[in-house]
Amino acid sequence: MSEKINTVEKPPPTRLDNVACGICLTEIPESVAVSSEADEYTQYFCGIECYTRWRNETEKSQTGK
């Protein structure tokens, strides 16, 4: 005889909110992303390498070099 399982007592699975890296577009959990906040949005990065690349590109575009 099969035994019924009461699923109401089990907690629902936790869903991690994923974000895309601003440079390589890799999806990662928001909880481990490196972020840079601007006035109207937050930019996420999968790691320090992508963050550094974004920062360098932003500085170059602002100085025109």
N, C-alpha and C. Protein backbone atom coordinates (compact mmCIF):
# COMPACT_ATOMS: atom_id res chain seq x y z
N MET A 1 0.84 -1.17 0.00
CA MET A 1 0.00 0.00 0.00
C MET A 1 0.89 1.24 0.00
N SER A 2 0.55 2.22 -0.83
CA SER A 2 1.37 3.43 -0.89
C SER A 2 1.00 4.36 0.25
N GLU A 3 1.99 5.02 0.73
CA GLU A 3 1.81 5.93 1.86
C GLU A 3 1.73 7.35 1.34
N LYS A 4 0.73 8.11 1.75
CA LYS A 4 0.59 9.50 1.32
C LYS A 4 1.51 10.38 2.15
N ILE A 5 2.09 11.35 1.50
CA ILE A 5 3.00 12.27 2.16
C ILE A 5 2.31 13.62 2.27
N ASN A 6 2.33 14.19 3.45
CA ASN A 6 1.72 15.50 3.66
C ASN A 6 2.74 16.57 3.25
N THR A 7 2.51 17.19 2.10
CA THR A 7 3.45 18.20 1.60
C THR A 7 3.25 19.56 2.25
N VAL A 8 2.17 19.74 2.98
CA VAL A 8 1.92 21.02 3.64
C VAL A 8 2.95 21.27 4.74
N GLU A 9 3.43 20.21 5.36
CA GLU A 9 4.39 20.37 6.46
C GLU A 9 5.79 20.68 5.97
N LYS A 10 6.08 20.39 4.71
CA LYS A 10 7.41 20.66 4.17
C LYS A 10 7.52 22.11 3.75
N PRO A 11 8.64 22.74 4.05
CA PRO A 11 8.79 24.14 3.62
C PRO A 11 8.96 24.18 2.11
N PRO A 12 8.48 25.23 1.47
CA PRO A 12 8.65 25.34 0.02
C PRO A 12 10.12 25.53 -0.31
N PRO A 13 10.54 25.06 -1.47
CA PRO A 13 11.95 25.27 -1.83
C PRO A 13 12.24 26.76 -1.97
N THR A 14 13.41 27.15 -1.53
CA THR A 14 13.78 28.56 -1.65
C THR A 14 14.34 28.79 -3.04
N ARG A 15 13.88 29.84 -3.67
CA ARG A 15 14.33 30.18 -5.01
C ARG A 15 15.31 31.33 -4.89
N LEU A 16 16.49 31.14 -5.47
CA LEU A 16 17.47 32.21 -5.48
C LEU A 16 17.19 33.13 -6.65
N ASP A 17 17.23 34.41 -6.42
CA ASP A 17 17.04 35.37 -7.51
C ASP A 17 18.37 35.51 -8.24
N ASN A 18 18.34 35.21 -9.53
CA ASN A 18 19.53 35.32 -10.34
C ASN A 18 19.58 36.67 -11.02
N VAL A 19 20.79 37.15 -11.24
CA VAL A 19 21.04 38.39 -11.97
C VAL A 19 22.08 38.09 -13.03
N ALA A 20 22.13 38.90 -14.06
CA ALA A 20 23.11 38.72 -15.13
C ALA A 20 24.29 39.66 -14.92
N CYS A 21 25.48 39.14 -15.15
CA CYS A 21 26.70 39.95 -15.08
C CYS A 21 26.63 41.01 -16.18
N GLY A 22 27.00 42.24 -15.85
CA GLY A 22 26.96 43.34 -16.80
C GLY A 22 27.99 43.24 -17.91
N ILE A 23 28.97 42.38 -17.79
CA ILE A 23 30.01 42.24 -18.81
C ILE A 23 29.82 40.96 -19.62
N CYS A 24 29.83 39.80 -18.96
CA CYS A 24 29.80 38.52 -19.68
C CYS A 24 28.41 37.88 -19.73
N LEU A 25 27.43 38.49 -19.06
CA LEU A 25 26.03 38.05 -19.05
C LEU A 25 25.81 36.69 -18.39
N THR A 26 26.77 36.19 -17.63
CA THR A 26 26.59 34.96 -16.87
C THR A 26 25.55 35.20 -15.78
N GLU A 27 24.60 34.26 -15.63
CA GLU A 27 23.60 34.41 -14.58
C GLU A 27 24.14 33.83 -13.28
N ILE A 28 24.04 34.61 -12.21
CA ILE A 28 24.55 34.21 -10.91
C ILE A 28 23.55 34.61 -9.84
N PRO A 29 23.57 33.95 -8.68
CA PRO A 29 22.68 34.38 -7.59
C PRO A 29 23.04 35.80 -7.13
N GLU A 30 22.03 36.60 -6.90
CA GLU A 30 22.26 37.99 -6.47
C GLU A 30 23.07 38.05 -5.19
N SER A 31 22.92 37.03 -4.34
CA SER A 31 23.59 37.04 -3.04
C SER A 31 25.11 36.95 -3.16
N VAL A 32 25.66 36.49 -4.29
CA VAL A 32 27.11 36.38 -4.44
C VAL A 32 27.67 37.35 -5.47
N ALA A 33 26.81 38.17 -6.06
CA ALA A 33 27.25 39.09 -7.10
C ALA A 33 27.95 40.30 -6.50
N VAL A 34 28.94 40.81 -7.22
CA VAL A 34 29.58 42.07 -6.89
C VAL A 34 28.72 43.13 -7.56
N SER A 35 28.40 44.22 -6.87
CA SER A 35 27.52 45.21 -7.49
C SER A 35 28.09 46.61 -7.41
N SER A 36 27.63 47.43 -8.34
CA SER A 36 27.96 48.85 -8.36
C SER A 36 26.65 49.58 -8.54
N GLU A 37 26.28 50.38 -7.55
CA GLU A 37 25.00 51.07 -7.59
C GLU A 37 25.14 52.46 -8.18
N ALA A 38 24.24 52.77 -9.08
CA ALA A 38 24.17 54.11 -9.66
C ALA A 38 22.89 54.77 -9.17
N ASP A 39 22.58 55.93 -9.69
CA ASP A 39 21.39 56.66 -9.24
C ASP A 39 20.10 55.91 -9.52
N GLU A 40 19.98 55.29 -10.68
CA GLU A 40 18.71 54.70 -11.08
C GLU A 40 18.74 53.19 -11.24
N TYR A 41 19.87 52.55 -11.12
CA TYR A 41 19.94 51.11 -11.32
C TYR A 41 21.15 50.53 -10.58
N THR A 42 21.17 49.21 -10.50
CA THR A 42 22.31 48.51 -9.93
C THR A 42 22.90 47.61 -11.00
N GLN A 43 24.19 47.68 -11.19
CA GLN A 43 24.91 46.85 -12.16
C GLN A 43 25.54 45.70 -11.39
N TYR A 44 25.36 44.46 -11.86
CA TYR A 44 25.91 43.28 -11.19
C TYR A 44 27.03 42.67 -12.00
N PHE A 45 27.99 42.05 -11.29
CA PHE A 45 29.13 41.41 -11.94
C PHE A 45 29.37 40.05 -11.30
N CYS A 46 29.80 39.08 -12.11
CA CYS A 46 30.01 37.72 -11.60
C CYS A 46 31.27 37.62 -10.75
N GLY A 47 32.17 38.55 -10.88
CA GLY A 47 33.39 38.52 -10.09
C GLY A 47 34.17 39.80 -10.24
N ILE A 48 35.28 39.84 -9.56
CA ILE A 48 36.10 41.05 -9.54
C ILE A 48 36.70 41.35 -10.92
N GLU A 49 36.95 40.31 -11.72
CA GLU A 49 37.53 40.52 -13.05
C GLU A 49 36.57 41.31 -13.94
N CYS A 50 35.29 40.91 -13.95
CA CYS A 50 34.31 41.62 -14.77
C CYS A 50 34.06 43.02 -14.21
N TYR A 51 34.04 43.16 -12.89
CA TYR A 51 33.85 44.48 -12.29
C TYR A 51 35.00 45.41 -12.68
N THR A 52 36.23 44.93 -12.62
CA THR A 52 37.40 45.74 -12.97
C THR A 52 37.36 46.13 -14.44
N ARG A 53 36.98 45.18 -15.30
CA ARG A 53 36.87 45.47 -16.73
C ARG A 53 35.82 46.55 -16.97
N TRP A 54 34.65 46.45 -16.31
CA TRP A 54 33.59 47.45 -16.45
C TRP A 54 34.07 48.82 -15.97
N ARG A 55 34.73 48.84 -14.82
CA ARG A 55 35.21 50.10 -14.25
C ARG A 55 36.22 50.76 -15.18
N ASN A 56 37.15 49.96 -15.73
CA ASN A 56 38.16 50.51 -16.64
C ASN A 56 37.51 51.07 -17.91
N GLU A 57 36.52 50.33 -18.46
CA GLU A 57 35.83 50.80 -19.66
C GLU A 57 35.04 52.07 -19.38
N THR A 58 34.42 52.16 -18.19
CA THR A 58 33.66 53.34 -17.82
C THR A 58 34.57 54.54 -17.66
N GLU A 59 35.72 54.35 -17.03
CA GLU A 59 36.67 55.45 -16.84
C GLU A 59 37.20 55.95 -18.19
N LYS A 60 37.48 55.01 -19.10
CA LYS A 60 37.98 55.40 -20.43
C LYS A 60 36.93 56.19 -21.19
N SER A 61 35.66 55.77 -21.11
CA SER A 61 34.62 56.49 -21.85
C SER A 61 34.36 57.88 -21.24
N GLN A 62 34.55 58.03 -19.95
CA GLN A 62 34.33 59.33 -19.31
C GLN A 62 35.46 60.30 -19.57
N THR A 63 36.68 59.79 -19.72
CA THR A 63 37.82 60.67 -19.99
C THR A 63 38.10 60.84 -21.47
N GLY A 64 37.48 60.02 -22.31
CA GLY A 64 37.68 60.12 -23.75
C GLY A 64 38.97 59.53 -24.24
N LYS A 65 39.62 58.71 -23.41
CA LYS A 65 40.91 58.10 -23.80
C LYS A 65 40.71 56.69 -24.21
